[in-house]
Amino acid sequence: MRHQICILYSGIFLFQVYRAQYRKTKEIVALKAIEMHDLNSYNTFGQIVLEQRILMLANKERCHFLVGLFASFQTEHHVCFAMDYAEGGDLVCQLDEDGISVERTQFYAACIVLGLQFLHEHNIAHRDLKPENILLDSDGYAKIADYGLSREGMTYDTLAYSECGSLYYMAPEIFREGYYTRSVDWWSLGVIIYEMLIGNVSIYSKK
């Protein structure tokens, strides 16, 4: 596997995503490289392992609406995930000040719903749904990506307590009650749908 100069994304944690090519088949993948010294804490290591499991699950079950794992490996300084490459970029690239058409909004929303249904059927809450984590493949289908804040074992009534996510897309119960169920993913989807139609986030809040 070799990676190109093109950097697709740099995260707030110590990782970058590159456009890479598998030498044998010439297949293009997205290569997420996570710096090893960012894995010192137990929580961070656990989240990386969880992300790998979800990527593998999406690939094994062939869920078309989630980004899946092509391969994973370790170098001297990095843990690397080779993932499905989204040729169309993220949803942010599709948005403009006046929003997008109702038809496109319905299509993207339907894709996200199917992806969320898959996660919830496997008792996984995404917890960081936002336009930056919705990628578009070469056929225009939307795929949910980035499971770094996801949580397993979330049945329909399981409660989580850790505050996480992206501010404008976080459900109000995360702030009010301090505990929440996996339904917070549906709130995030509602905000994304509004943003697709109107062109901006509907709720501005001070933490």
Protein backbone atom coordinates (compact mmCIF):
# COMPACT_ATOMS: atom_id res chain seq x y z
CA MET A 1 0.00 0.00 0.00
CA ARG A 2 1.32 3.45 -0.83
CA HIS A 3 -0.14 6.82 0.07
CA GLN A 4 -0.37 9.89 -2.09
CA ILE A 5 0.60 13.43 -1.12
CA CYS A 6 -3.07 14.38 -0.86
CA ILE A 7 -4.24 14.83 2.75
CA LEU A 8 -8.01 14.43 2.95
CA TYR A 9 -8.54 15.32 6.61
CA SER A 10 -6.66 16.19 9.80
CA GLY A 11 -8.33 15.43 13.11
CA ILE A 12 -8.28 17.23 16.43
CA PHE A 13 -6.47 14.18 17.78
CA LEU A 14 -3.15 13.23 16.23
CA PHE A 15 -4.25 11.64 12.99
CA GLN A 16 -4.51 12.44 9.32
CA VAL A 17 -6.45 10.80 6.49
CA TYR A 18 -4.68 10.30 3.18
CA ARG A 19 -5.75 9.22 -0.27
CA ALA A 20 -3.89 5.94 -0.86
CA GLN A 21 -3.68 3.15 -3.43
CA TYR A 22 -3.42 -0.61 -2.94
CA ARG A 23 -0.54 -1.69 -5.17
CA LYS A 24 -1.91 -5.08 -6.20
CA THR A 25 -5.35 -3.98 -7.38
CA LYS A 26 -4.81 -0.21 -7.80
CA GLU A 27 -7.89 0.31 -5.60
CA ILE A 28 -8.14 3.77 -4.02
CA VAL A 29 -8.71 3.86 -0.25
CA ALA A 30 -8.75 6.44 2.52
CA LEU A 31 -5.83 5.81 4.88
CA LYS A 32 -6.30 7.02 8.46
CA ALA A 33 -2.94 7.24 10.24
CA ILE A 34 -3.10 7.65 14.03
CA GLU A 35 0.08 8.56 15.86
CA MET A 36 1.14 5.88 18.35
CA HIS A 37 1.92 8.27 21.19
CA ASP A 38 -1.72 9.42 21.06
CA LEU A 39 -2.74 5.94 22.29
CA ASN A 40 -1.11 6.13 25.72
CA SER A 41 -4.33 6.49 27.68
CA TYR A 42 -6.63 3.49 28.13
CA ASN A 43 -9.68 5.43 26.95
CA THR A 44 -8.05 6.56 23.72
CA PHE A 45 -6.79 3.06 22.95
CA GLY A 46 -10.23 1.63 23.67
CA GLN A 47 -11.91 4.05 21.28
CA ILE A 48 -9.47 3.17 18.49
CA VAL A 49 -10.14 -0.56 18.99
CA LEU A 50 -13.91 0.14 19.00
CA GLU A 51 -13.63 2.16 15.79
CA GLN A 52 -11.82 -0.75 14.17
CA ARG A 53 -14.56 -3.17 15.24
CA ILE A 54 -17.31 -0.97 13.79
CA LEU A 55 -15.39 -0.53 10.53
CA MET A 56 -14.97 -4.31 10.32
CA LEU A 57 -18.66 -4.87 11.08
CA ALA A 58 -19.73 -2.45 8.34
CA ASN A 59 -17.49 -4.25 5.87
CA LYS A 60 -18.50 -7.76 6.94
CA GLU A 61 -22.23 -7.01 6.78
CA ARG A 62 -21.77 -4.99 3.56
CA CYS A 63 -23.70 -2.02 4.89
CA HIS A 64 -23.64 0.41 1.97
CA PHE A 65 -24.40 3.40 4.19
CA LEU A 66 -21.42 3.12 6.55
CA VAL A 67 -17.74 3.52 5.79
CA GLY A 68 -16.09 0.10 6.12
CA LEU A 69 -12.59 -1.26 6.67
CA PHE A 70 -10.39 -2.40 3.78
CA ALA A 71 -7.37 -3.32 5.93
CA SER A 72 -5.55 -2.29 9.11
CA PHE A 73 -1.88 -2.41 10.03
CA GLN A 74 0.71 -0.88 12.33
CA THR A 75 3.99 0.90 11.59
CA GLU A 76 6.68 2.07 13.96
CA HIS A 77 4.90 5.35 14.65
CA HIS A 78 1.29 4.89 13.48
CA VAL A 79 -1.79 2.68 13.65
CA CYS A 80 -3.40 2.75 10.20
CA PHE A 81 -6.92 2.02 8.95
CA ALA A 82 -7.43 1.67 5.20
CA MET A 83 -11.11 2.50 4.66
CA ASP A 84 -13.64 2.96 1.88
CA TYR A 85 -12.71 5.99 -0.18
CA ALA A 86 -15.48 8.57 -0.62
CA GLU A 87 -14.84 10.15 -3.98
CA GLY A 88 -17.55 12.78 -3.50
CA GLY A 89 -16.04 14.30 -0.35
CA ASP A 90 -18.16 15.12 2.69
CA LEU A 91 -21.63 16.60 2.97
CA VAL A 92 -20.21 20.02 3.85
CA CYS A 93 -18.97 20.31 0.26
CA GLN A 94 -22.56 19.97 -0.98
CA LEU A 95 -24.07 22.67 1.22
CA ASP A 96 -24.43 26.33 0.33
CA GLU A 97 -26.01 29.40 1.90
CA ASP A 98 -29.43 28.71 0.40
CA GLY A 99 -29.48 24.98 1.16
CA ILE A 100 -29.91 22.17 -1.34
CA SER A 101 -33.00 20.81 -3.06
CA VAL A 102 -35.70 18.87 -1.24
CA GLU A 103 -35.03 15.87 -3.47
CA ARG A 104 -31.33 15.71 -2.60
CA THR A 105 -32.09 16.32 1.06
CA GLN A 106 -34.55 13.41 1.07
CA PHE A 107 -32.03 11.14 -0.64
CA TYR A 108 -29.13 11.93 1.68
CA ALA A 109 -31.40 11.74 4.74
CA ALA A 110 -32.67 8.31 3.66
CA CYS A 111 -29.09 7.06 3.34
CA ILE A 112 -28.23 8.35 6.82
CA VAL A 113 -31.38 6.79 8.30
CA LEU A 114 -30.40 3.39 6.90
CA GLY A 115 -26.90 3.77 8.27
CA LEU A 116 -28.19 4.75 11.72
CA GLN A 117 -30.67 1.88 11.70
CA PHE A 118 -27.81 -0.54 11.07
CA LEU A 119 -25.77 0.90 13.95
CA HIS A 120 -28.71 0.88 16.35
CA GLU A 121 -29.69 -2.67 15.39
CA HIS A 122 -26.20 -3.61 16.55
CA ASN A 123 -26.63 -1.51 19.73
CA ILE A 124 -24.14 1.13 18.66
CA ALA A 125 -24.70 4.87 19.15
CA HIS A 126 -22.68 7.10 16.81
CA ARG A 127 -22.79 10.22 19.03
CA ASP A 128 -21.03 12.57 16.59
CA LEU A 129 -23.28 12.81 13.57
CA LYS A 130 -22.57 15.99 11.57
CA PRO A 131 -22.04 16.96 7.90
CA GLU A 132 -18.26 16.46 8.19
CA ASN A 133 -18.91 12.80 9.10
CA ILE A 134 -21.24 12.13 6.16
CA LEU A 135 -19.26 11.12 3.08
CA LEU A 136 -20.44 10.66 -0.51
CA ASP A 137 -19.24 7.75 -2.63
CA SER A 138 -18.71 7.71 -6.40
CA ASP A 139 -22.39 6.88 -6.98
CA GLY A 140 -23.58 9.76 -4.80
CA TYR A 141 -24.73 7.66 -1.85
CA ALA A 142 -24.17 9.07 1.65
CA LYS A 143 -22.10 7.03 4.11
CA ILE A 144 -21.69 7.63 7.84
CA ALA A 145 -18.04 7.85 8.87
CA ASP A 146 -15.82 8.43 11.92
CA TYR A 147 -16.76 6.15 14.82
CA GLY A 148 -14.24 7.69 17.21
CA LEU A 149 -16.94 8.77 19.70
CA SER A 150 -19.27 5.82 19.18
CA ARG A 151 -20.39 3.58 22.02
CA GLU A 152 -21.34 -0.11 22.06
CA GLY A 153 -23.98 -1.79 24.19
CA MET A 154 -26.53 0.97 23.58
CA THR A 155 -29.91 -0.76 23.51
CA TYR A 156 -32.97 1.44 23.04
CA ASP A 157 -33.11 2.37 26.75
CA THR A 158 -29.43 2.17 27.76
CA LEU A 159 -28.21 5.43 29.29
CA ALA A 160 -24.88 7.11 28.56
CA TYR A 161 -23.45 9.91 30.69
CA SER A 162 -20.32 11.25 29.00
CA GLU A 163 -20.76 14.57 27.22
CA CYS A 164 -19.48 14.24 23.68
CA GLY A 165 -20.28 15.26 20.12
CA SER A 166 -20.20 18.51 18.16
CA LEU A 167 -21.95 21.42 19.85
CA TYR A 168 -24.51 22.47 17.22
CA TYR A 169 -25.58 18.85 16.63
CA MET A 170 -25.82 17.68 20.25
CA ALA A 171 -29.24 16.84 21.67
CA PRO A 172 -30.52 19.08 24.52
CA GLU A 173 -30.75 16.21 27.03
CA ILE A 174 -26.98 15.87 26.92
CA PHE A 175 -26.80 19.33 28.52
CA ARG A 176 -29.99 19.29 30.61
CA GLU A 177 -30.11 15.84 32.19
CA GLY A 178 -26.51 14.79 31.72
CA TYR A 179 -27.66 11.37 30.54
CA TYR A 180 -29.17 10.24 27.26
CA THR A 181 -30.02 7.26 25.05
CA ARG A 182 -28.99 6.45 21.49
CA SER A 183 -31.91 8.62 20.32
CA VAL A 184 -29.49 11.57 20.38
CA ASP A 185 -28.38 10.35 16.93
CA TRP A 186 -31.86 11.14 15.58
CA TRP A 187 -31.68 14.68 16.98
CA SER A 188 -28.38 15.18 15.16
CA LEU A 189 -29.94 13.91 11.95
CA GLY A 190 -32.80 16.40 12.36
CA VAL A 191 -30.34 19.28 12.62
CA ILE A 192 -28.49 18.03 9.52
CA ILE A 193 -31.74 17.83 7.54
CA TYR A 194 -32.63 21.39 8.57
CA GLU A 195 -29.16 22.56 7.56
CA MET A 196 -29.43 20.85 4.17
CA LEU A 197 -32.75 22.57 3.47
CA ILE A 198 -32.07 26.03 4.94
CA GLY A 199 -28.32 26.38 4.57
CA ASN A 200 -27.34 26.96 8.21
CA VAL A 201 -27.65 25.33 11.60
CA SER A 202 -30.98 26.05 13.27
CA ILE A 203 -29.80 26.29 16.89
CA TYR A 204 -27.02 28.39 18.31
CA SER A 205 -26.32 27.79 21.95
CA LYS A 206 -23.82 28.77 24.59
CA LYS A 207 -22.37 25.92 26.58
